Amino acid sequence: MDSNDNTVLHMLVVCNLPNMYTKFKARWIERHAAKHKKIIITSETSELPKLWNRLNKDGLTPLTLAADLGRAKM
């Protein structure tokens, strides 16, 4: 994250890289699904929000940032 709490997905939106955004998100899902297959998650377990649901300092997710910037392909 940068000083504005932007994740890599926020930065891909800012740089207008929709193909890279899609590939990165798919790879993130793949890696975390494999990682969590072996872990039993209880109701007491607190996980970080999914990367695409994380808010930056402006309160925007990568998707809402894309909408704010008019990046329809994201």
PDB file of N, CA and C in Angstrom:
ATOM      1  N   MET A   1       0.834  -1.177   0.000  1.00  0.00           N
ATOM      2  CA  MET A   1       0.000   0.000   0.000  1.00  0.00           C
ATOM      3  C   MET A   1       0.881   1.243   0.000  1.00  0.00           C
ATOM      4  N   ASP A   2       0.352   2.274  -0.622  1.00  0.00           N
ATOM      5  CA  ASP A   2       1.091   3.527  -0.631  1.00  0.00           C
ATOM      6  C   ASP A   2       0.605   4.438   0.501  1.00  0.00           C
ATOM      7  N   SER A   3       1.032   5.672   0.499  1.00  0.00           N
ATOM      8  CA  SER A   3       0.682   6.596   1.588  1.00  0.00           C
ATOM      9  C   SER A   3      -0.805   6.954   1.620  1.00  0.00           C
ATOM     10  N   ASN A   4      -1.521   6.684   0.529  1.00  0.00           N
ATOM     11  CA  ASN A   4      -2.969   6.922   0.482  1.00  0.00           C
ATOM     12  C   ASN A   4      -3.765   5.640   0.686  1.00  0.00           C
ATOM     13  N   ASP A   5      -3.080   4.598   1.152  1.00  0.00           N
ATOM     14  CA  ASP A   5      -3.679   3.275   1.364  1.00  0.00           C
ATOM     15  C   ASP A   5      -4.183   2.634   0.075  1.00  0.00           C
ATOM     16  N   ASN A   6      -3.617   3.041  -1.060  1.00  0.00           N
ATOM     17  CA  ASN A   6      -3.962   2.400  -2.324  1.00  0.00           C
ATOM     18  C   ASN A   6      -3.250   1.058  -2.421  1.00  0.00           C
ATOM     19  N   THR A   7      -4.005   0.032  -2.808  1.00  0.00           N
ATOM     20  CA  THR A   7      -3.423  -1.288  -3.030  1.00  0.00           C
ATOM     21  C   THR A   7      -2.912  -1.357  -4.467  1.00  0.00           C
ATOM     22  N   VAL A   8      -2.332  -2.469  -4.817  1.00  0.00           N
ATOM     23  CA  VAL A   8      -1.871  -2.656  -6.188  1.00  0.00           C
ATOM     24  C   VAL A   8      -3.052  -2.554  -7.157  1.00  0.00           C
ATOM     25  N   LEU A   9      -4.234  -3.010  -6.757  1.00  0.00           N
ATOM     26  CA  LEU A   9      -5.394  -2.898  -7.647  1.00  0.00           C
ATOM     27  C   LEU A   9      -5.798  -1.441  -7.849  1.00  0.00           C
ATOM     28  N   HIS A  10      -5.740  -0.633  -6.803  1.00  0.00           N
ATOM     29  CA  HIS A  10      -6.012   0.800  -6.962  1.00  0.00           C
ATOM     30  C   HIS A  10      -5.032   1.402  -7.976  1.00  0.00           C
ATOM     31  N   MET A  11      -3.759   1.037  -7.857  1.00  0.00           N
ATOM     32  CA  MET A  11      -2.745   1.605  -8.745  1.00  0.00           C
ATOM     33  C   MET A  11      -2.931   1.152 -10.188  1.00  0.00           C
ATOM     34  N   LEU A  12      -3.391  -0.081 -10.387  1.00  0.00           N
ATOM     35  CA  LEU A  12      -3.662  -0.548 -11.744  1.00  0.00           C
ATOM     36  C   LEU A  12      -4.824   0.230 -12.357  1.00  0.00           C
ATOM     37  N   VAL A  13      -5.783   0.619 -11.530  1.00  0.00           N
ATOM     38  CA  VAL A  13      -6.887   1.468 -11.997  1.00  0.00           C
ATOM     39  C   VAL A  13      -6.346   2.844 -12.379  1.00  0.00           C
ATOM     40  N   VAL A  14      -5.554   3.440 -11.497  1.00  0.00           N
ATOM     41  CA  VAL A  14      -4.996   4.770 -11.751  1.00  0.00           C
ATOM     42  C   VAL A  14      -4.188   4.775 -13.046  1.00  0.00           C
ATOM     43  N   CYS A  15      -3.419   3.710 -13.274  1.00  0.00           N
ATOM     44  CA  CYS A  15      -2.576   3.607 -14.473  1.00  0.00           C
ATOM     45  C   CYS A  15      -3.341   3.094 -15.690  1.00  0.00           C
ATOM     46  N   ASN A  16      -4.640   2.831 -15.524  1.00  0.00           N
ATOM     47  CA  ASN A  16      -5.512   2.373 -16.606  1.00  0.00           C
ATOM     48  C   ASN A  16      -4.986   1.091 -17.268  1.00  0.00           C
ATOM     49  N   LEU A  17      -4.784   0.059 -16.453  1.00  0.00           N
ATOM     50  CA  LEU A  17      -4.292  -1.233 -16.932  1.00  0.00           C
ATOM     51  C   LEU A  17      -5.328  -2.323 -16.639  1.00  0.00           C
ATOM     52  N   PRO A  18      -6.456  -2.335 -17.388  1.00  0.00           N
ATOM     53  CA  PRO A  18      -7.536  -3.284 -17.082  1.00  0.00           C
ATOM     54  C   PRO A  18      -7.150  -4.752 -17.239  1.00  0.00           C
ATOM     55  N   ASN A  19      -6.326  -5.081 -18.230  1.00  0.00           N
ATOM     56  CA  ASN A  19      -5.924  -6.484 -18.410  1.00  0.00           C
ATOM     57  C   ASN A  19      -5.073  -6.966 -17.239  1.00  0.00           C
ATOM     58  N   MET A  20      -4.158  -6.133 -16.798  1.00  0.00           N
ATOM     59  CA  MET A  20      -3.306  -6.486 -15.664  1.00  0.00           C
ATOM     60  C   MET A  20      -4.148  -6.589 -14.392  1.00  0.00           C
ATOM     61  N   TYR A  21      -5.131  -5.708 -14.241  1.00  0.00           N
ATOM     62  CA  TYR A  21      -6.041  -5.735 -13.091  1.00  0.00           C
ATOM     63  C   TYR A  21      -6.744  -7.088 -13.021  1.00  0.00           C
ATOM     64  N   THR A  22      -7.299  -7.518 -14.150  1.00  0.00           N
ATOM     65  CA  THR A  22      -8.026  -8.789 -14.211  1.00  0.00           C
ATOM     66  C   THR A  22      -7.113  -9.963 -13.891  1.00  0.00           C
ATOM     67  N   LYS A  23      -5.922  -9.975 -14.474  1.00  0.00           N
ATOM     68  CA  LYS A  23      -4.973 -11.063 -14.234  1.00  0.00           C
ATOM     69  C   LYS A  23      -4.512 -11.097 -12.776  1.00  0.00           C
ATOM     70  N   PHE A  24      -4.219  -9.938 -12.216  1.00  0.00           N
ATOM     71  CA  PHE A  24      -3.753  -9.884 -10.830  1.00  0.00           C
ATOM     72  C   PHE A  24      -4.837 -10.364  -9.877  1.00  0.00           C
ATOM     73  N   LYS A  25      -6.072  -9.920 -10.090  1.00  0.00           N
ATOM     74  CA  LYS A  25      -7.175 -10.325  -9.216  1.00  0.00           C
ATOM     75  C   LYS A  25      -7.399 -11.836  -9.303  1.00  0.00           C
ATOM     76  N   ALA A  26      -7.370 -12.394 -10.520  1.00  0.00           N
ATOM     77  CA  ALA A  26      -7.559 -13.837 -10.698  1.00  0.00           C
ATOM     78  C   ALA A  26      -6.452 -14.617  -9.996  1.00  0.00           C
ATOM     79  N   ARG A  27      -5.231 -14.152 -10.126  1.00  0.00           N
ATOM     80  CA  ARG A  27      -4.096 -14.832  -9.483  1.00  0.00           C
ATOM     81  C   ARG A  27      -4.204 -14.740  -7.961  1.00  0.00           C
ATOM     82  N   TRP A  28      -4.632 -13.597  -7.445  1.00  0.00           N
ATOM     83  CA  TRP A  28      -4.815 -13.415  -6.003  1.00  0.00           C
ATOM     84  C   TRP A  28      -5.851 -14.397  -5.476  1.00  0.00           C
ATOM     85  N   ILE A  29      -6.961 -14.533  -6.193  1.00  0.00           N
ATOM     86  CA  ILE A  29      -8.017 -15.472  -5.798  1.00  0.00           C
ATOM     87  C   ILE A  29      -7.478 -16.898  -5.802  1.00  0.00           C
ATOM     88  N   GLU A  30      -6.758 -17.249  -6.856  1.00  0.00           N
ATOM     89  CA  GLU A  30      -6.191 -18.597  -6.990  1.00  0.00           C
ATOM     90  C   GLU A  30      -5.239 -18.916  -5.839  1.00  0.00           C
ATOM     91  N   ARG A  31      -4.348 -18.013  -5.538  1.00  0.00           N
ATOM     92  CA  ARG A  31      -3.368 -18.245  -4.471  1.00  0.00           C
ATOM     93  C   ARG A  31      -4.025 -18.351  -3.104  1.00  0.00           C
ATOM     94  N   HIS A  32      -4.974 -17.492  -2.815  1.00  0.00           N
ATOM     95  CA  HIS A  32      -5.618 -17.506  -1.505  1.00  0.00           C
ATOM     96  C   HIS A  32      -6.578 -18.681  -1.349  1.00  0.00           C
ATOM     97  N   ALA A  33      -7.190 -19.121  -2.427  1.00  0.00           N
ATOM     98  CA  ALA A  33      -8.061 -20.298  -2.355  1.00  0.00           C
ATOM     99  C   ALA A  33      -7.227 -21.528  -2.012  1.00  0.00           C
ATOM    100  N   ALA A  34      -6.068 -21.667  -2.646  1.00  0.00           N
ATOM    101  CA  ALA A  34      -5.187 -22.801  -2.373  1.00  0.00           C
ATOM    102  C   ALA A  34      -4.652 -22.731  -0.946  1.00  0.00           C
ATOM    103  N   LYS A  35      -4.306 -21.553  -0.499  1.00  0.00           N
ATOM    104  CA  LYS A  35      -3.757 -21.365   0.847  1.00  0.00           C
ATOM    105  C   LYS A  35      -4.794 -21.713   1.913  1.00  0.00           C
ATOM    106  N   HIS A  36      -6.028 -21.312   1.712  1.00  0.00           N
ATOM    107  CA  HIS A  36      -7.071 -21.501   2.717  1.00  0.00           C
ATOM    108  C   HIS A  36      -7.741 -22.868   2.652  1.00  0.00           C
ATOM    109  N   LYS A  37      -7.418 -23.673   1.656  1.00  0.00           N
ATOM    110  CA  LYS A  37      -7.964 -25.028   1.580  1.00  0.00           C
ATOM    111  C   LYS A  37      -7.586 -25.833   2.813  1.00  0.00           C
ATOM    112  N   LYS A  38      -6.380 -25.613   3.301  1.00  0.00           N
ATOM    113  CA  LYS A  38      -5.853 -26.397   4.408  1.00  0.00           C
ATOM    114  C   LYS A  38      -6.183 -25.797   5.770  1.00  0.00           C
ATOM    115  N   ILE A  39      -6.722 -24.596   5.792  1.00  0.00           N
ATOM    116  CA  ILE A  39      -6.992 -23.911   7.055  1.00  0.00           C
ATOM    117  C   ILE A  39      -8.480 -23.985   7.374  1.00  0.00           C
ATOM    118  N   ILE A  40      -8.788 -24.400   8.593  1.00  0.00           N
ATOM    119  CA  ILE A  40     -10.179 -24.399   9.041  1.00  0.00           C
ATOM    120  C   ILE A  40     -10.449 -23.034   9.652  1.00  0.00           C
ATOM    121  N   ILE A  41     -11.391 -22.331   9.067  1.00  0.00           N
ATOM    122  CA  ILE A  41     -11.693 -20.985   9.531  1.00  0.00           C
ATOM    123  C   ILE A  41     -12.868 -21.045  10.493  1.00  0.00           C
ATOM    124  N   THR A  42     -12.664 -20.524  11.684  1.00  0.00           N
ATOM    125  CA  THR A  42     -13.738 -20.490  12.676  1.00  0.00           C
ATOM    126  C   THR A  42     -14.405 -19.128  12.643  1.00  0.00           C
ATOM    127  N   SER A  43     -15.514 -19.030  13.343  1.00  0.00           N
ATOM    128  CA  SER A  43     -16.226 -17.755  13.379  1.00  0.00           C
ATOM    129  C   SER A  43     -15.428 -16.679  14.102  1.00  0.00           C
ATOM    130  N   GLU A  44     -14.449 -17.085  14.890  1.00  0.00           N
ATOM    131  CA  GLU A  44     -13.627 -16.118  15.624  1.00  0.00           C
ATOM    132  C   GLU A  44     -12.468 -15.593  14.783  1.00  0.00           C
ATOM    133  N   THR A  45     -12.210 -16.233  13.654  1.00  0.00           N
ATOM    134  CA  THR A  45     -11.105 -15.821  12.801  1.00  0.00           C
ATOM    135  C   THR A  45     -11.469 -14.533  12.081  1.00  0.00           C
ATOM    136  N   SER A  46     -10.590 -13.562  12.168  1.00  0.00           N
ATOM    137  CA  SER A  46     -10.833 -12.330  11.417  1.00  0.00           C
ATOM    138  C   SER A  46      -9.818 -12.252  10.289  1.00  0.00           C
ATOM    139  N   GLU A  47     -10.323 -12.132   9.088  1.00  0.00           N
ATOM    140  CA  GLU A  47      -9.465 -12.031   7.922  1.00  0.00           C
ATOM    141  C   GLU A  47      -9.491 -10.607   7.401  1.00  0.00           C
ATOM    142  N   LEU A  48      -8.450 -10.246   6.692  1.00  0.00           N
ATOM    143  CA  LEU A  48      -8.458  -8.967   6.012  1.00  0.00           C
ATOM    144  C   LEU A  48      -9.504  -9.010   4.910  1.00  0.00           C
ATOM    145  N   PRO A  49     -10.101  -7.869   4.584  1.00  0.00           N
ATOM    146  CA  PRO A  49     -11.049  -7.876   3.472  1.00  0.00           C
ATOM    147  C   PRO A  49     -10.329  -8.249   2.181  1.00  0.00           C
ATOM    148  N   LYS A  50     -11.058  -8.826   1.273  1.00  0.00           N
ATOM    149  CA  LYS A  50     -10.472  -9.189  -0.012  1.00  0.00           C
ATOM    150  C   LYS A  50      -9.842  -7.946  -0.630  1.00  0.00           C
ATOM    151  N   LEU A  51      -8.795  -8.154  -1.376  1.00  0.00           N
ATOM    152  CA  LEU A  51      -8.015  -7.051  -1.936  1.00  0.00           C
ATOM    153  C   LEU A  51      -8.887  -6.060  -2.701  1.00  0.00           C
ATOM    154  N   TRP A  52      -9.866  -6.556  -3.425  1.00  0.00           N
ATOM    155  CA  TRP A  52     -10.712  -5.674  -4.234  1.00  0.00           C
ATOM    156  C   TRP A  52     -11.792  -4.977  -3.408  1.00  0.00           C
ATOM    157  N   ASN A  53     -11.895  -5.293  -2.120  1.00  0.00           N
ATOM    158  CA  ASN A  53     -12.849  -4.620  -1.229  1.00  0.00           C
ATOM    159  C   ASN A  53     -12.176  -3.645  -0.268  1.00  0.00           C
ATOM    160  N   ARG A  54     -10.874  -3.525  -0.344  1.00  0.00           N
ATOM    161  CA  ARG A  54     -10.162  -2.646   0.588  1.00  0.00           C
ATOM    162  C   ARG A  54     -10.311  -1.185   0.181  1.00  0.00           C
ATOM    163  N   LEU A  55     -10.498  -0.356   1.174  1.00  0.00           N
ATOM    164  CA  LEU A  55     -10.699   1.072   0.939  1.00  0.00           C
ATOM    165  C   LEU A  55      -9.385   1.832   1.053  1.00  0.00           C
ATOM    166  N   ASN A  56      -9.231   2.841   0.185  1.00  0.00           N
ATOM    167  CA  ASN A  56      -8.092   3.738   0.337  1.00  0.00           C
ATOM    168  C   ASN A  56      -8.499   4.874   1.274  1.00  0.00           C
ATOM    169  N   LYS A  57      -7.642   5.870   1.457  1.00  0.00           N
ATOM    170  CA  LYS A  57      -7.943   6.957   2.397  1.00  0.00           C
ATOM    171  C   LYS A  57      -9.142   7.798   1.964  1.00  0.00           C
ATOM    172  N   ASP A  58      -9.488   7.745   0.679  1.00  0.00           N
ATOM    173  CA  ASP A  58     -10.664   8.467   0.181  1.00  0.00           C
ATOM    174  C   ASP A  58     -11.935   7.638   0.321  1.00  0.00           C
ATOM    175  N   GLY A  59     -11.805   6.432   0.890  1.00  0.00           N
ATOM    176  CA  GLY A  59     -12.965   5.564   1.080  1.00  0.00           C
ATOM    177  C   GLY A  59     -13.406   4.864  -0.189  1.00  0.00           C
ATOM    178  N   LEU A  60     -12.480   4.689  -1.131  1.00  0.00           N
ATOM    179  CA  LEU A  60     -12.807   4.071  -2.415  1.00  0.00           C
ATOM    180  C   LEU A  60     -12.172   2.693  -2.548  1.00  0.00           C
ATOM    181  N   THR A  61     -12.955   1.737  -3.031  1.00  0.00           N
ATOM    182  CA  THR A  61     -12.404   0.448  -3.427  1.00  0.00           C
ATOM    183  C   THR A  61     -11.800   0.641  -4.816  1.00  0.00           C
ATOM    184  N   PRO A  62     -11.056  -0.328  -5.326  1.00  0.00           N
ATOM    185  CA  PRO A  62     -10.558  -0.185  -6.690  1.00  0.00           C
ATOM    186  C   PRO A  62     -11.694   0.028  -7.707  1.00  0.00           C
ATOM    187  N   LEU A  63     -12.811  -0.671  -7.520  1.00  0.00           N
ATOM    188  CA  LEU A  63     -13.928  -0.529  -8.458  1.00  0.00           C
ATOM    189  C   LEU A  63     -14.567   0.857  -8.370  1.00  0.00           C
ATOM    190  N   THR A  64     -14.773   1.360  -7.157  1.00  0.00           N
ATOM    191  CA  THR A  64     -15.362   2.696  -7.041  1.00  0.00           C
ATOM    192  C   THR A  64     -14.392   3.773  -7.515  1.00  0.00           C
ATOM    193  N   LEU A  65     -13.098   3.535  -7.359  1.00  0.00           N
ATOM    194  CA  LEU A  65     -12.098   4.447  -7.906  1.00  0.00           C
ATOM    195  C   LEU A  65     -12.178   4.454  -9.428  1.00  0.00           C
ATOM    196  N   ALA A  66     -12.323   3.272 -10.025  1.00  0.00           N
ATOM    197  CA  ALA A  66     -12.451   3.175 -11.483  1.00  0.00           C
ATOM    198  C   ALA A  66     -13.668   3.962 -11.965  1.00  0.00           C
ATOM    199  N   ALA A  67     -14.779   3.822 -11.269  1.00  0.00           N
ATOM    200  CA  ALA A  67     -15.990   4.565 -11.639  1.00  0.00           C
ATOM    201  C   ALA A  67     -15.752   6.065 -11.497  1.00  0.00           C
ATOM    202  N   ASP A  68     -15.090   6.458 -10.419  1.00  0.00           N
ATOM    203  CA  ASP A  68     -14.802   7.868 -10.174  1.00  0.00           C
ATOM    204  C   ASP A  68     -13.926   8.459 -11.274  1.00  0.00           C
ATOM    205  N   LEU A  69     -13.005   7.642 -11.797  1.00  0.00           N
ATOM    206  CA  LEU A  69     -12.093   8.098 -12.851  1.00  0.00           C
ATOM    207  C   LEU A  69     -12.643   7.861 -14.255  1.00  0.00           C
ATOM    208  N   GLY A  70     -13.826   7.245 -14.352  1.00  0.00           N
ATOM    209  CA  GLY A  70     -14.425   6.973 -15.663  1.00  0.00           C
ATOM    210  C   GLY A  70     -13.745   5.848 -16.417  1.00  0.00           C
ATOM    211  N   ARG A  71     -13.201   4.889 -15.693  1.00  0.00           N
ATOM    212  CA  ARG A  71     -12.511   3.747 -16.310  1.00  0.00           C
ATOM    213  C   ARG A  71     -13.488   2.580 -16.440  1.00  0.00           C
ATOM    214  N   ALA A  72     -14.278   2.569 -17.499  1.00  0.00           N
ATOM    215  CA  ALA A  72     -15.354   1.586 -17.677  1.00  0.00           C
ATOM    216  C   ALA A  72     -14.845   0.161 -17.854  1.00  0.00           C
ATOM    217  N   LYS A  73     -13.638  -0.022 -18.377  1.00  0.00           N
ATOM    218  CA  LYS A  73     -13.134  -1.375 -18.646  1.00  0.00           C
ATOM    219  C   LYS A  73     -12.653  -2.100 -17.398  1.00  0.00           C
ATOM    220  N   MET A  74     -12.567  -1.416 -16.289  1.00  0.00           N
ATOM    221  CA  MET A  74     -12.121  -2.059 -15.061  1.00  0.00           C
ATOM    222  C   MET A  74     -13.259  -2.866 -14.491  1.00  0.00           C
TER     223      MET A  74
END
